[in-house]
Amino acid sequence: MGQQQLLLIILGVIVVGVAIALSITLFRANAIERKRELLVNESHNIGSIAISYYKRPTMIGGGGNTFTGWQIPSALQSTVNGSYTAQVSASNVVIIGTGTEVITDGDSIKIETTVTGNEINSIIIN
């Protein structure tokens, strides 16, 4: 083989290696983004349950325009996508969702969802 052919083979191997490394990085970033979206969706589902408790009268098992006494249903505290905890006050609920996907250095994906009597807002922590 000539020197030019060897250089072309080496260049081809380098290009393929860079393409593989880039595709792994993109796949990982996509997996993290999808997991964040799943956490937000699940926390919004939990928030909807909290709002229905808030709006339900106390005589039929609701909060009567307060979140006091509400807690995350046990089946939703831990899912395939993550685990959820709630900080409940009379006027709002703050749901912290921690994902099963680790980003870097042991930090997991984390979101915070604030639920009031009429709205649900989420922010991404990690």
C-alpha atoms as a PDB file:
ATOM      1  CA  MET A   1       0.000   0.000   0.000  1.00  0.00           C
ATOM      2  CA  GLY A   2       1.114   3.457  -0.743  1.00  0.00           C
ATOM      3  CA  GLN A   3       1.528   6.209   1.782  1.00  0.00           C
ATOM      4  CA  GLN A   4      -1.482   8.083   0.394  1.00  0.00           C
ATOM      5  CA  GLN A   5      -3.752   5.081   0.909  1.00  0.00           C
ATOM      6  CA  LEU A   6      -2.599   4.683   4.524  1.00  0.00           C
ATOM      7  CA  LEU A   7      -3.302   8.367   5.184  1.00  0.00           C
ATOM      8  CA  LEU A   8      -6.789   8.016   3.697  1.00  0.00           C
ATOM      9  CA  ILE A   9      -7.486   4.988   5.924  1.00  0.00           C
ATOM     10  CA  ILE A  10      -6.285   6.869   9.027  1.00  0.00           C
ATOM     11  CA  LEU A  11      -8.362   9.899   8.076  1.00  0.00           C
ATOM     12  CA  GLY A  12     -11.408   7.660   7.558  1.00  0.00           C
ATOM     13  CA  VAL A  13     -10.940   6.051  10.986  1.00  0.00           C
ATOM     14  CA  ILE A  14     -10.649   9.489  12.628  1.00  0.00           C
ATOM     15  CA  VAL A  15     -13.806  10.769  10.915  1.00  0.00           C
ATOM     16  CA  VAL A  16     -15.765   7.667  11.937  1.00  0.00           C
ATOM     17  CA  GLY A  17     -14.486   7.967  15.528  1.00  0.00           C
ATOM     18  CA  VAL A  18     -15.536  11.620  15.760  1.00  0.00           C
ATOM     19  CA  ALA A  19     -18.972  10.779  14.297  1.00  0.00           C
ATOM     20  CA  ILE A  20     -19.486   8.016  16.869  1.00  0.00           C
ATOM     21  CA  ALA A  21     -18.420  10.263  19.766  1.00  0.00           C
ATOM     22  CA  LEU A  22     -20.753  13.032  18.566  1.00  0.00           C
ATOM     23  CA  SER A  23     -23.684  10.656  18.172  1.00  0.00           C
ATOM     24  CA  ILE A  24     -23.184   9.290  21.717  1.00  0.00           C
ATOM     25  CA  THR A  25     -23.152  12.838  23.093  1.00  0.00           C
ATOM     26  CA  LEU A  26     -26.316  13.768  21.192  1.00  0.00           C
ATOM     27  CA  PHE A  27     -28.069  10.572  22.300  1.00  0.00           C
ATOM     28  CA  ARG A  28     -27.195  11.266  25.947  1.00  0.00           C
ATOM     29  CA  ALA A  29     -28.424  14.881  25.718  1.00  0.00           C
ATOM     30  CA  ASN A  30     -31.671  13.694  24.131  1.00  0.00           C
ATOM     31  CA  ALA A  31     -32.203  11.092  26.870  1.00  0.00           C
ATOM     32  CA  ILE A  32     -31.728  13.743  29.568  1.00  0.00           C
ATOM     33  CA  GLU A  33     -34.152  16.131  27.865  1.00  0.00           C
ATOM     34  CA  ARG A  34     -36.788  13.406  27.478  1.00  0.00           C
ATOM     35  CA  LYS A  35     -36.454  12.468  31.150  1.00  0.00           C
ATOM     36  CA  ARG A  36     -36.951  16.126  32.136  1.00  0.00           C
ATOM     37  CA  GLU A  37     -40.097  16.275  30.024  1.00  0.00           C
ATOM     38  CA  LEU A  38     -41.413  13.097  31.649  1.00  0.00           C
ATOM     39  CA  LEU A  39     -40.753  14.501  35.131  1.00  0.00           C
ATOM     40  CA  VAL A  40     -42.572  17.727  34.261  1.00  0.00           C
ATOM     41  CA  ASN A  41     -45.538  15.786  32.860  1.00  0.00           C
ATOM     42  CA  GLU A  42     -45.780  13.536  35.915  1.00  0.00           C
ATOM     43  CA  SER A  43     -45.462  16.458  38.326  1.00  0.00           C
ATOM     44  CA  HIS A  44     -48.215  18.303  36.430  1.00  0.00           C
ATOM     45  CA  ASN A  45     -50.383  15.196  36.793  1.00  0.00           C
ATOM     46  CA  ILE A  46     -49.707  15.199  40.547  1.00  0.00           C
ATOM     47  CA  GLY A  47     -50.408  18.946  40.606  1.00  0.00           C
ATOM     48  CA  SER A  48     -53.771  18.370  38.948  1.00  0.00           C
ATOM     49  CA  ILE A  49     -54.662  15.917  41.698  1.00  0.00           C
ATOM     50  CA  ALA A  50     -53.678  18.555  44.274  1.00  0.00           C
ATOM     51  CA  ILE A  51     -55.849  21.203  42.603  1.00  0.00           C
ATOM     52  CA  SER A  52     -58.836  18.853  42.560  1.00  0.00           C
ATOM     53  CA  TYR A  53     -58.299  18.266  46.309  1.00  0.00           C
ATOM     54  CA  TYR A  54     -58.062  22.044  46.829  1.00  0.00           C
ATOM     55  CA  LYS A  55     -61.335  22.741  45.012  1.00  0.00           C
ATOM     56  CA  ARG A  56     -63.314  19.835  46.512  1.00  0.00           C
ATOM     57  CA  PRO A  57     -65.424  20.740  49.566  1.00  0.00           C
ATOM     58  CA  THR A  58     -64.267  19.373  52.915  1.00  0.00           C
ATOM     59  CA  MET A  59     -67.496  17.463  53.487  1.00  0.00           C
ATOM     60  CA  ILE A  60     -66.702  15.192  50.514  1.00  0.00           C
ATOM     61  CA  GLY A  61     -63.047  14.664  51.360  1.00  0.00           C
ATOM     62  CA  GLY A  62     -61.425  17.734  49.843  1.00  0.00           C
ATOM     63  CA  GLY A  63     -59.484  20.669  51.168  1.00  0.00           C
ATOM     64  CA  GLY A  64     -62.188  23.319  50.917  1.00  0.00           C
ATOM     65  CA  ASN A  65     -59.899  25.890  49.190  1.00  0.00           C
ATOM     66  CA  THR A  66     -56.802  24.860  51.119  1.00  0.00           C
ATOM     67  CA  PHE A  67     -54.067  22.318  50.430  1.00  0.00           C
ATOM     68  CA  THR A  68     -53.690  21.436  54.107  1.00  0.00           C
ATOM     69  CA  GLY A  69     -53.906  17.674  54.556  1.00  0.00           C
ATOM     70  CA  TRP A  70     -53.087  16.807  50.948  1.00  0.00           C
ATOM     71  CA  GLN A  71     -50.313  14.385  50.131  1.00  0.00           C
ATOM     72  CA  ILE A  72     -48.976  12.746  46.999  1.00  0.00           C
ATOM     73  CA  PRO A  73     -50.766   9.444  46.329  1.00  0.00           C
ATOM     74  CA  SER A  74     -48.480   6.563  47.302  1.00  0.00           C
ATOM     75  CA  ALA A  75     -48.602   5.065  43.786  1.00  0.00           C
ATOM     76  CA  LEU A  76     -47.163   8.309  42.355  1.00  0.00           C
ATOM     77  CA  GLN A  77     -44.443   8.981  44.940  1.00  0.00           C
ATOM     78  CA  SER A  78     -42.012   6.826  43.006  1.00  0.00           C
ATOM     79  CA  THR A  79     -42.267   5.923  39.320  1.00  0.00           C
ATOM     80  CA  VAL A  80     -39.976   4.528  36.655  1.00  0.00           C
ATOM     81  CA  ASN A  81     -38.983   8.092  35.769  1.00  0.00           C
ATOM     82  CA  GLY A  82     -38.284   9.446  39.262  1.00  0.00           C
ATOM     83  CA  SER A  83     -39.490  10.118  42.777  1.00  0.00           C
ATOM     84  CA  TYR A  84     -41.597  12.990  44.063  1.00  0.00           C
ATOM     85  CA  THR A  85     -41.902  14.802  47.378  1.00  0.00           C
ATOM     86  CA  ALA A  86     -44.282  17.595  48.312  1.00  0.00           C
ATOM     87  CA  GLN A  87     -44.017  20.579  50.638  1.00  0.00           C
ATOM     88  CA  VAL A  88     -47.606  21.446  51.468  1.00  0.00           C
ATOM     89  CA  SER A  89     -48.854  24.767  52.820  1.00  0.00           C
ATOM     90  CA  ALA A  90     -52.386  26.127  52.973  1.00  0.00           C
ATOM     91  CA  SER A  91     -52.039  28.202  49.797  1.00  0.00           C
ATOM     92  CA  ASN A  92     -49.690  26.136  47.632  1.00  0.00           C
ATOM     93  CA  VAL A  93     -47.850  22.871  47.120  1.00  0.00           C
ATOM     94  CA  VAL A  94     -44.240  22.622  45.960  1.00  0.00           C
ATOM     95  CA  ILE A  95     -43.493  19.292  44.304  1.00  0.00           C
ATOM     96  CA  ILE A  96     -39.843  18.292  43.896  1.00  0.00           C
ATOM     97  CA  GLY A  97     -39.238  15.642  41.245  1.00  0.00           C
ATOM     98  CA  THR A  98     -35.911  13.832  41.173  1.00  0.00           C
ATOM     99  CA  GLY A  99     -35.241  11.771  38.067  1.00  0.00           C
ATOM    100  CA  THR A 100     -33.503   8.468  37.696  1.00  0.00           C
ATOM    101  CA  GLU A 101     -31.205   9.856  34.975  1.00  0.00           C
ATOM    102  CA  VAL A 102     -27.843  11.088  36.317  1.00  0.00           C
ATOM    103  CA  ILE A 103     -26.462  14.161  34.555  1.00  0.00           C
ATOM    104  CA  THR A 104     -22.915  14.608  35.907  1.00  0.00           C
ATOM    105  CA  ASP A 105     -21.013  13.878  39.105  1.00  0.00           C
ATOM    106  CA  GLY A 106     -23.932  12.079  40.721  1.00  0.00           C
ATOM    107  CA  ASP A 107     -26.388  14.947  40.156  1.00  0.00           C
ATOM    108  CA  SER A 108     -29.791  13.702  39.074  1.00  0.00           C
ATOM    109  CA  ILE A 109     -32.322  15.546  36.984  1.00  0.00           C
ATOM    110  CA  LYS A 110     -34.453  17.660  39.309  1.00  0.00           C
ATOM    111  CA  ILE A 111     -37.507  19.832  38.752  1.00  0.00           C
ATOM    112  CA  GLU A 112     -39.636  21.990  41.030  1.00  0.00           C
ATOM    113  CA  THR A 113     -43.353  22.411  40.394  1.00  0.00           C
ATOM    114  CA  THR A 114     -45.396  25.004  42.263  1.00  0.00           C
ATOM    115  CA  VAL A 115     -49.132  24.371  42.460  1.00  0.00           C
ATOM    116  CA  THR A 116     -51.622  27.034  43.512  1.00  0.00           C
ATOM    117  CA  GLY A 117     -55.410  26.925  43.466  1.00  0.00           C
ATOM    118  CA  ASN A 118     -55.540  27.739  39.745  1.00  0.00           C
ATOM    119  CA  GLU A 119     -52.172  27.095  38.120  1.00  0.00           C
ATOM    120  CA  ILE A 120     -49.196  24.801  37.896  1.00  0.00           C
ATOM    121  CA  ASN A 121     -45.687  26.112  37.101  1.00  0.00           C
ATOM    122  CA  SER A 122     -42.518  24.083  36.734  1.00  0.00           C
ATOM    123  CA  ILE A 123     -38.865  25.077  36.727  1.00  0.00           C
ATOM    124  CA  ILE A 124     -35.856  22.906  35.967  1.00  0.00           C
ATOM    125  CA  ILE A 125     -33.267  22.786  38.752  1.00  0.00           C
ATOM    126  CA  ASN A 126     -30.883  20.236  37.145  1.00  0.00           C
END
